[in-house]
C-alpha atoms as a PDB file:
ATOM      1  CA  GLN A   1       4.988   2.419   0.594  1.00  0.00           C
ATOM      2  CA  VAL A   2       3.005   2.807  -2.443  1.00  0.00           C
ATOM      3  CA  GLN A   3      -0.149   1.588  -2.506  1.00  0.00           C
ATOM      4  CA  LEU A   4      -2.888   0.264  -5.317  1.00  0.00           C
ATOM      5  CA  VAL A   5      -5.763   0.426  -5.105  1.00  0.00           C
ATOM      6  CA  GLU A   6      -8.457  -1.306  -8.404  1.00  0.00           C
ATOM      7  CA  SER A   7     -11.890  -0.523  -8.584  1.00  0.00           C
ATOM      8  CA  GLY A   8     -14.962  -0.392 -10.634  1.00  0.00           C
ATOM      9  CA  GLY A   9     -15.269  -4.655 -12.004  1.00  0.00           C
ATOM     10  CA  GLY A  10     -18.749  -6.006 -11.781  1.00  0.00           C
ATOM     11  CA  LEU A  11     -20.605  -8.568 -13.567  1.00  0.00           C
ATOM     12  CA  VAL A  12     -21.771  -6.814 -17.516  1.00  0.00           C
ATOM     13  CA  GLN A  13     -23.511  -8.357 -20.199  1.00  0.00           C
ATOM     14  CA  PRO A  14     -21.093  -9.195 -23.367  1.00  0.00           C
ATOM     15  CA  GLY A  15     -20.796  -5.783 -25.543  1.00  0.00           C
ATOM     16  CA  GLY A  16     -21.349  -3.900 -22.783  1.00  0.00           C
ATOM     17  CA  SER A  17     -19.030  -1.173 -20.725  1.00  0.00           C
ATOM     18  CA  LEU A  18     -16.926  -0.828 -17.584  1.00  0.00           C
ATOM     19  CA  ARG A  19     -14.428   1.713 -16.281  1.00  0.00           C
ATOM     20  CA  LEU A  20     -11.622   0.749 -13.913  1.00  0.00           C
ATOM     21  CA  SER A  21      -9.809   2.930 -11.994  1.00  0.00           C
ATOM     22  CA  CYS A  22      -6.498   2.653  -9.926  1.00  0.00           C
ATOM     23  CA  ALA A  23      -5.257   5.016  -7.150  1.00  0.00           C
ATOM     24  CA  ALA A  24      -1.869   5.266  -5.638  1.00  0.00           C
ATOM     25  CA  SER A  25      -1.020   6.630  -2.848  1.00  0.00           C
ATOM     26  CA  GLY A  26       2.108   8.712  -2.803  1.00  0.00           C
ATOM     27  CA  SER A  27       3.271  11.666  -4.966  1.00  0.00           C
ATOM     28  CA  ILE A  28       6.060   9.504  -7.101  1.00  0.00           C
ATOM     29  CA  PHE A  29       2.761   8.012  -9.014  1.00  0.00           C
ATOM     30  CA  ARG A  30       2.973  10.840 -11.704  1.00  0.00           C
ATOM     31  CA  PHE A  31       6.636   9.500 -12.845  1.00  0.00           C
ATOM     32  CA  HIS A  32       5.742   6.001 -13.712  1.00  0.00           C
ATOM     33  CA  VAL A  33       4.885   4.592 -16.524  1.00  0.00           C
ATOM     34  CA  MET A  34       1.704   2.487 -15.552  1.00  0.00           C
ATOM     35  CA  GLY A  35      -0.306  -0.181 -17.075  1.00  0.00           C
ATOM     36  CA  TRP A  36      -3.340  -2.555 -16.321  1.00  0.00           C
ATOM     37  CA  TYR A  37      -3.013  -6.106 -16.033  1.00  0.00           C
ATOM     38  CA  ARG A  38      -5.281  -8.891 -16.190  1.00  0.00           C
ATOM     39  CA  GLN A  39      -5.548 -12.854 -14.884  1.00  0.00           C
ATOM     40  CA  ALA A  40      -7.657 -14.963 -15.885  1.00  0.00           C
ATOM     41  CA  PRO A  41      -8.167 -18.265 -14.357  1.00  0.00           C
ATOM     42  CA  GLY A  42      -5.573 -20.716 -14.809  1.00  0.00           C
ATOM     43  CA  LYS A  43      -3.640 -18.017 -17.311  1.00  0.00           C
ATOM     44  CA  GLN A  44      -0.819 -15.961 -16.349  1.00  0.00           C
ATOM     45  CA  ARG A  45      -1.049 -12.456 -15.780  1.00  0.00           C
ATOM     46  CA  GLU A  46      -0.794 -10.633 -18.943  1.00  0.00           C
ATOM     47  CA  LEU A  47      -0.162  -6.890 -19.643  1.00  0.00           C
ATOM     48  CA  VAL A  48      -3.073  -5.375 -21.736  1.00  0.00           C
ATOM     49  CA  ALA A  49      -2.846  -1.688 -22.150  1.00  0.00           C
ATOM     50  CA  SER A  50       0.105   0.922 -20.599  1.00  0.00           C
ATOM     51  CA  ILE A  51       0.544   4.776 -20.735  1.00  0.00           C
ATOM     52  CA  THR A  52       3.424   7.106 -19.825  1.00  0.00           C
ATOM     53  CA  SER A  53       3.968   9.090 -17.327  1.00  0.00           C
ATOM     54  CA  GLY A  54       2.522  12.010 -18.988  1.00  0.00           C
ATOM     55  CA  GLY A  55      -0.154  10.535 -20.485  1.00  0.00           C
ATOM     56  CA  GLY A  56       1.442  11.329 -24.141  1.00  0.00           C
ATOM     57  CA  THR A  57       1.911   7.958 -24.905  1.00  0.00           C
ATOM     58  CA  THR A  58      -0.399   4.565 -24.786  1.00  0.00           C
ATOM     59  CA  ASN A  59       0.109   0.755 -25.548  1.00  0.00           C
ATOM     60  CA  TYR A  60      -2.293  -1.944 -25.869  1.00  0.00           C
ATOM     61  CA  ALA A  61      -2.154  -5.581 -26.191  1.00  0.00           C
ATOM     62  CA  ASP A  62      -4.015  -6.938 -29.807  1.00  0.00           C
ATOM     63  CA  SER A  63      -6.736  -8.583 -27.667  1.00  0.00           C
ATOM     64  CA  VAL A  64      -8.017  -5.274 -26.390  1.00  0.00           C
ATOM     65  CA  LYS A  65      -6.868  -2.568 -29.220  1.00  0.00           C
ATOM     66  CA  GLY A  66      -9.484  -0.318 -30.473  1.00  0.00           C
ATOM     67  CA  ARG A  67     -11.792  -1.473 -27.048  1.00  0.00           C
ATOM     68  CA  PHE A  68     -10.039  -0.227 -24.122  1.00  0.00           C
ATOM     69  CA  THR A  69      -8.621   2.773 -23.375  1.00  0.00           C
ATOM     70  CA  ILE A  70      -6.190   3.923 -20.331  1.00  0.00           C
ATOM     71  CA  SER A  71      -5.839   7.486 -19.258  1.00  0.00           C
ATOM     72  CA  ARG A  72      -4.612   9.118 -16.216  1.00  0.00           C
ATOM     73  CA  ASP A  73      -4.692  12.099 -14.058  1.00  0.00           C
ATOM     74  CA  ASN A  74      -1.696  12.668 -12.283  1.00  0.00           C
ATOM     75  CA  ALA A  75      -3.714  15.125  -9.630  1.00  0.00           C
ATOM     76  CA  LYS A  76      -5.612  12.169  -8.195  1.00  0.00           C
ATOM     77  CA  ASN A  77      -2.870   9.920  -8.663  1.00  0.00           C
ATOM     78  CA  THR A  78      -5.549   7.678 -10.745  1.00  0.00           C
ATOM     79  CA  VAL A  79      -5.083   6.018 -13.520  1.00  0.00           C
ATOM     80  CA  TYR A  80      -8.414   4.185 -15.571  1.00  0.00           C
ATOM     81  CA  LEU A  81      -9.104   1.846 -18.058  1.00  0.00           C
ATOM     82  CA  GLN A  82     -12.648   2.720 -20.538  1.00  0.00           C
ATOM     83  CA  MET A  83     -13.220  -1.114 -21.720  1.00  0.00           C
ATOM     84  CA  ASN A  84     -15.970  -0.782 -24.334  1.00  0.00           C
ATOM     85  CA  SER A  85     -17.179  -3.172 -26.714  1.00  0.00           C
ATOM     86  CA  LEU A  86     -16.580  -6.742 -23.682  1.00  0.00           C
ATOM     87  CA  LYS A  87     -16.203  -9.924 -24.241  1.00  0.00           C
ATOM     88  CA  PRO A  88     -16.681 -13.133 -22.442  1.00  0.00           C
ATOM     89  CA  GLU A  89     -12.767 -13.401 -22.944  1.00  0.00           C
ATOM     90  CA  ASP A  90     -12.309 -10.572 -20.941  1.00  0.00           C
ATOM     91  CA  THR A  91     -13.596 -11.966 -17.969  1.00  0.00           C
ATOM     92  CA  ALA A  92     -10.639 -11.456 -14.995  1.00  0.00           C
ATOM     93  CA  VAL A  93      -9.105 -10.230 -12.260  1.00  0.00           C
ATOM     94  CA  TYR A  94      -7.483  -6.797 -13.700  1.00  0.00           C
ATOM     95  CA  TYR A  95      -4.750  -4.783 -11.670  1.00  0.00           C
ATOM     96  CA  CYS A  96      -2.588  -1.849 -11.863  1.00  0.00           C
ATOM     97  CA  ASN A  97       1.192  -1.811 -11.525  1.00  0.00           C
ATOM     98  CA  SER A  98       3.730   0.808 -12.353  1.00  0.00           C
ATOM     99  CA  LEU A  99       6.266  -0.352 -15.438  1.00  0.00           C
ATOM    100  CA  THR A 100       8.977   1.937 -13.856  1.00  0.00           C
ATOM    101  CA  LEU A 101       9.197   0.164 -10.660  1.00  0.00           C
ATOM    102  CA  PRO A 102       6.936  -2.154 -10.219  1.00  0.00           C
ATOM    103  CA  LEU A 103       5.113  -2.217  -6.737  1.00  0.00           C
ATOM    104  CA  PRO A 104       3.328  -4.147  -4.804  1.00  0.00           C
ATOM    105  CA  TRP A 105       0.201  -5.391  -6.140  1.00  0.00           C
ATOM    106  CA  GLY A 106      -2.996  -4.310  -5.196  1.00  0.00           C
ATOM    107  CA  GLN A 107      -6.030  -6.401  -4.956  1.00  0.00           C
ATOM    108  CA  GLY A 108      -7.301  -6.120  -8.416  1.00  0.00           C
ATOM    109  CA  THR A 109     -10.674  -5.667  -9.230  1.00  0.00           C
ATOM    110  CA  GLN A 110     -12.923  -8.793 -10.904  1.00  0.00           C
ATOM    111  CA  VAL A 111     -14.498  -8.218 -13.858  1.00  0.00           C
ATOM    112  CA  THR A 112     -16.686 -10.761 -15.490  1.00  0.00           C
ATOM    113  CA  VAL A 113     -18.839 -10.959 -18.514  1.00  0.00           C
ATOM    114  CA  SER A 114     -21.328 -12.885 -18.863  1.00  0.00           C
ATOM    115  CA  SER A 115     -25.054 -13.215 -20.492  1.00  0.00           C
END
């Protein structure tokens, strides 16, 4: 069974940057469209970025466009989310998952943007 393990979150000041990582077990990862999601307290989980299996196409929610960059390294079964110019409204637990065939959710990684 494929497992997803997110890491890289933390406390950062507004305007700061973080790089999240999501490591997936299993070789099928490289065939999947992958996405980063986030869930803020009291809100539904939302998709913020996605990337095709080969990495050639990416898509972003309007709220993060121009600030976040999704990438992947299929040799390492890892997908990344570079987050720049962070805002307090980016505070949430961040998760990755497959858009091709949703997998069991990992534990997520907490991102808190606060001065």
